[in-house]
Every structure is written in structure tokens, then in C-alpha cells.
N, C-alpha and C. Protein backbone atom coordinates (compact mmCIF):
# COMPACT_ATOMS: atom_id res chain seq x y z
N UNK A 1 -0.01 5.23 -19.18
CA UNK A 1 -0.80 5.02 -18.13
C UNK A 1 -0.18 4.29 -16.82
N UNK A 2 -0.55 4.94 -15.82
CA UNK A 2 0.31 4.38 -14.34
C UNK A 2 -0.56 3.15 -14.10
N UNK A 3 0.01 1.81 -13.84
CA UNK A 3 -0.34 0.85 -13.36
C UNK A 3 -0.85 1.09 -11.68
N UNK A 4 -1.84 0.19 -11.31
CA UNK A 4 -2.15 0.22 -9.96
C UNK A 4 -1.10 -0.13 -9.07
N UNK A 5 -0.12 -0.98 -9.44
CA UNK A 5 1.21 -1.17 -8.40
C UNK A 5 2.06 0.20 -8.34
N UNK A 6 2.19 0.87 -9.39
CA UNK A 6 2.85 2.03 -9.51
C UNK A 6 2.13 3.35 -8.71
N UNK A 7 0.74 3.04 -8.97
CA UNK A 7 -0.15 4.22 -8.09
C UNK A 7 -0.07 3.80 -6.71
N UNK A 8 -0.14 2.79 -6.19
CA UNK A 8 0.05 2.38 -4.75
C UNK A 8 1.44 2.70 -4.17
N UNK A 9 2.41 2.45 -5.09
CA UNK A 9 3.94 2.67 -4.68
C UNK A 9 4.07 4.18 -4.42
N UNK A 10 3.62 4.82 -5.59
CA UNK A 10 3.79 6.38 -5.42
C UNK A 10 2.89 7.04 -4.21
N UNK A 11 1.69 6.48 -3.94
CA UNK A 11 0.93 6.98 -3.14
C UNK A 11 1.48 6.91 -1.74
N UNK A 12 2.23 5.71 -1.41
CA UNK A 12 2.87 5.32 -0.14
C UNK A 12 4.14 6.33 -0.09
N UNK A 13 4.80 6.60 -1.21
CA UNK A 13 6.01 7.24 -1.08
C UNK A 13 5.62 8.48 -0.92
N UNK A 14 4.72 9.16 -1.18
CA UNK A 14 4.31 10.59 -1.04
C UNK A 14 3.52 10.84 0.21
N UNK A 15 3.36 9.87 1.34
CA UNK A 15 2.57 10.01 2.43
C UNK A 15 3.37 9.25 3.47
N UNK A 16 4.03 9.76 4.23
CA UNK A 16 4.82 9.17 5.33
C UNK A 16 3.86 8.51 6.36
N UNK A 17 2.72 9.04 6.61
CA UNK A 17 1.81 8.50 7.71
C UNK A 17 1.27 7.01 7.31
N UNK A 18 1.31 6.94 5.96
CA UNK A 18 0.72 5.27 5.61
C UNK A 18 -0.68 5.51 5.51
N UNK A 19 -1.21 4.40 5.19
CA UNK A 19 -2.62 4.14 4.74
C UNK A 19 -3.17 2.65 5.34
N UNK A 20 -4.51 2.30 5.44
CA UNK A 20 -4.85 0.99 5.48
C UNK A 20 -5.19 0.28 4.28
N UNK A 21 -5.18 -0.92 4.16
CA UNK A 21 -5.62 -1.47 2.90
C UNK A 21 -6.82 -0.89 2.21
N UNK A 22 -8.01 -0.69 3.11
CA UNK A 22 -9.08 0.14 2.51
C UNK A 22 -8.96 1.36 1.97
N UNK A 23 -8.08 2.18 2.66
CA UNK A 23 -7.80 3.45 2.06
C UNK A 23 -7.01 3.42 0.63
N UNK A 24 -6.04 2.48 0.68
CA UNK A 24 -5.33 2.26 -0.42
C UNK A 24 -6.34 1.98 -1.69
N UNK A 25 -7.09 0.91 -1.51
CA UNK A 25 -7.86 0.60 -2.62
C UNK A 25 -8.81 1.85 -2.85
N UNK A 26 -9.28 2.29 -1.99
CA UNK A 26 -10.12 3.54 -2.37
C UNK A 26 -9.50 4.86 -3.07
N UNK A 27 -8.22 5.12 -2.69
CA UNK A 27 -7.59 6.02 -3.34
C UNK A 27 -7.01 5.60 -4.66
N UNK A 28 -6.76 4.40 -4.98
CA UNK A 28 -6.14 3.87 -6.28
C UNK A 28 -7.56 3.54 -7.09
N UNK A 29 -8.63 3.22 -6.41
CA UNK A 29 -9.90 2.99 -7.11
C UNK A 29 -9.80 1.29 -7.60
N UNK A 30 -9.62 0.48 -6.66
CA UNK A 30 -9.50 -0.79 -7.02
C UNK A 30 -9.96 -1.54 -6.00
N UNK A 31 -10.55 -2.93 -5.86
CA UNK A 31 -10.84 -3.60 -4.65
C UNK A 31 -9.84 -3.87 -3.63
N UNK A 32 -10.43 -4.09 -2.67
CA UNK A 32 -9.49 -4.40 -1.48
C UNK A 32 -8.54 -5.58 -1.65
N UNK A 33 -8.94 -6.68 -2.29
CA UNK A 33 -8.26 -7.89 -2.97
C UNK A 33 -6.96 -7.56 -3.78
N UNK A 34 -7.32 -6.84 -4.77
CA UNK A 34 -6.25 -6.31 -5.89
C UNK A 34 -5.43 -5.49 -4.89
N UNK A 35 -5.90 -4.58 -4.14
CA UNK A 35 -4.89 -3.91 -3.26
C UNK A 35 -3.98 -4.46 -2.55
N UNK A 36 -4.54 -5.73 -1.82
CA UNK A 36 -3.68 -6.55 -0.98
C UNK A 36 -2.97 -7.53 -1.87
N UNK A 37 -3.04 -7.80 -2.96
CA UNK A 37 -2.22 -8.33 -3.79
C UNK A 37 -0.92 -7.65 -4.22
N UNK A 38 -1.21 -6.50 -4.59
CA UNK A 38 0.09 -5.51 -4.94
C UNK A 38 0.68 -5.33 -3.77
N UNK A 39 0.05 -4.98 -2.42
CA UNK A 39 0.83 -4.73 -1.14
C UNK A 39 1.64 -5.94 -1.00
N UNK A 40 0.99 -7.19 -1.14
CA UNK A 40 2.04 -8.38 -1.02
C UNK A 40 3.28 -8.41 -1.64
N UNK A 41 3.00 -7.97 -2.90
CA UNK A 41 4.21 -7.77 -3.97
C UNK A 41 5.37 -6.92 -3.23
N UNK A 42 4.82 -5.85 -2.87
CA UNK A 42 5.72 -4.55 -2.50
C UNK A 42 6.25 -5.18 -1.04
N UNK A 43 5.66 -5.97 -0.31
CA UNK A 43 6.33 -6.62 0.79
C UNK A 43 7.64 -7.28 0.41
N UNK A 44 7.26 -8.04 -0.41
CA UNK A 44 8.19 -9.20 -1.02
C UNK A 44 9.36 -8.45 -1.50
N UNK A 45 9.02 -7.26 -2.09
CA UNK A 45 10.17 -6.57 -2.70
C UNK A 45 10.84 -5.73 -1.76
N UNK A 46 10.63 -5.82 -0.34
CA UNK A 46 11.10 -5.15 0.77
C UNK A 46 10.71 -3.39 0.53
N UNK A 47 9.77 -3.19 0.07
CA UNK A 47 9.50 -1.74 -0.34
C UNK A 47 8.46 -0.96 0.68
N UNK A 48 7.82 -1.93 1.40
CA UNK A 48 7.06 -1.27 2.34
C UNK A 48 6.92 -2.19 3.62
N UNK A 49 6.48 -1.49 4.67
CA UNK A 49 6.29 -1.99 6.08
C UNK A 49 4.75 -2.11 6.51
N UNK A 50 4.30 -3.09 7.30
CA UNK A 50 3.00 -3.21 7.86
C UNK A 50 3.32 -3.07 9.41
N UNK A 51 2.43 -2.32 9.86
CA UNK A 51 2.63 -2.24 11.46
C UNK A 51 1.01 -2.20 11.72
N UNK A 52 0.65 -3.13 12.82
CA UNK A 52 -0.63 -3.66 13.17
C UNK A 52 -1.07 -2.58 14.44
N UNK A 53 -2.03 -1.84 14.13
CA UNK A 53 -2.64 -0.84 15.19
C UNK A 53 -3.92 -1.53 15.21
N UNK A 54 -4.30 -2.14 16.44
CA UNK A 54 -5.53 -2.52 16.68
C UNK A 54 -5.95 -3.70 15.82
N UNK A 55 -7.19 -3.53 15.28
CA UNK A 55 -7.60 -4.43 14.14
C UNK A 55 -6.91 -4.02 12.67
N UNK A 56 -6.54 -2.91 12.74
CA UNK A 56 -6.15 -2.56 11.37
C UNK A 56 -4.55 -2.73 11.06
N UNK A 57 -4.21 -2.61 9.98
CA UNK A 57 -2.81 -2.66 9.68
C UNK A 57 -2.46 -1.32 8.87
N UNK A 58 -1.24 -0.86 9.46
CA UNK A 58 -1.09 0.63 8.68
C UNK A 58 0.23 0.06 7.76
N UNK A 59 0.01 0.80 6.59
CA UNK A 59 1.08 0.16 5.62
C UNK A 59 1.88 1.61 5.39
N UNK A 60 3.11 1.42 5.32
CA UNK A 60 3.87 2.71 4.90
C UNK A 60 5.26 2.31 4.25
N UNK A 61 5.68 3.24 3.55
CA UNK A 61 6.84 2.92 2.46
C UNK A 61 7.94 3.01 3.07
N UNK A 62 8.85 2.01 2.81
CA UNK A 62 10.21 1.90 3.34
C UNK A 62 11.22 2.25 2.43
N UNK A 63 11.03 2.03 1.10
CA UNK A 63 11.73 2.13 0.08
C UNK A 63 13.01 1.18 0.01
N UNK A 64 13.43 1.27 -1.18
CA UNK A 64 14.89 0.36 -1.52
C UNK A 64 15.64 0.65 -2.74
């Protein structure tokens, strides 16, 4: 079974336009806080980018 971290990473790898934290949480079926924790981990690993667009943050896959 795929972990939420793997689901988030695959979701971002397969969509070049990116997602907000809320969209990721909804698509992976977890809370925003859980999604945010995994996103922070992926940021630390240098695998994703975050771009602020107005009040939202767009998360895209950078890969490594």
C-alpha cells in the first residue's frame, strides 16, 4: 500500500501545474495538517518548490 508521502510525491510528479495544500489533502484523502507535514519533508529533501500566488501557495515538483 502506498503511503501518503508517496501519494503526494507521485501526485506532484504527474502534474506539472502543481496544487495548493488543500487540493493535495483532498486528492490524497488526508487532513491539511498531515499534507503540510509531508510537504515540509519534501521541501527539506529538495524535491518540491513552493510559489506564493496571492494568499495561496502553489506546490510543484522539482525532483532530485
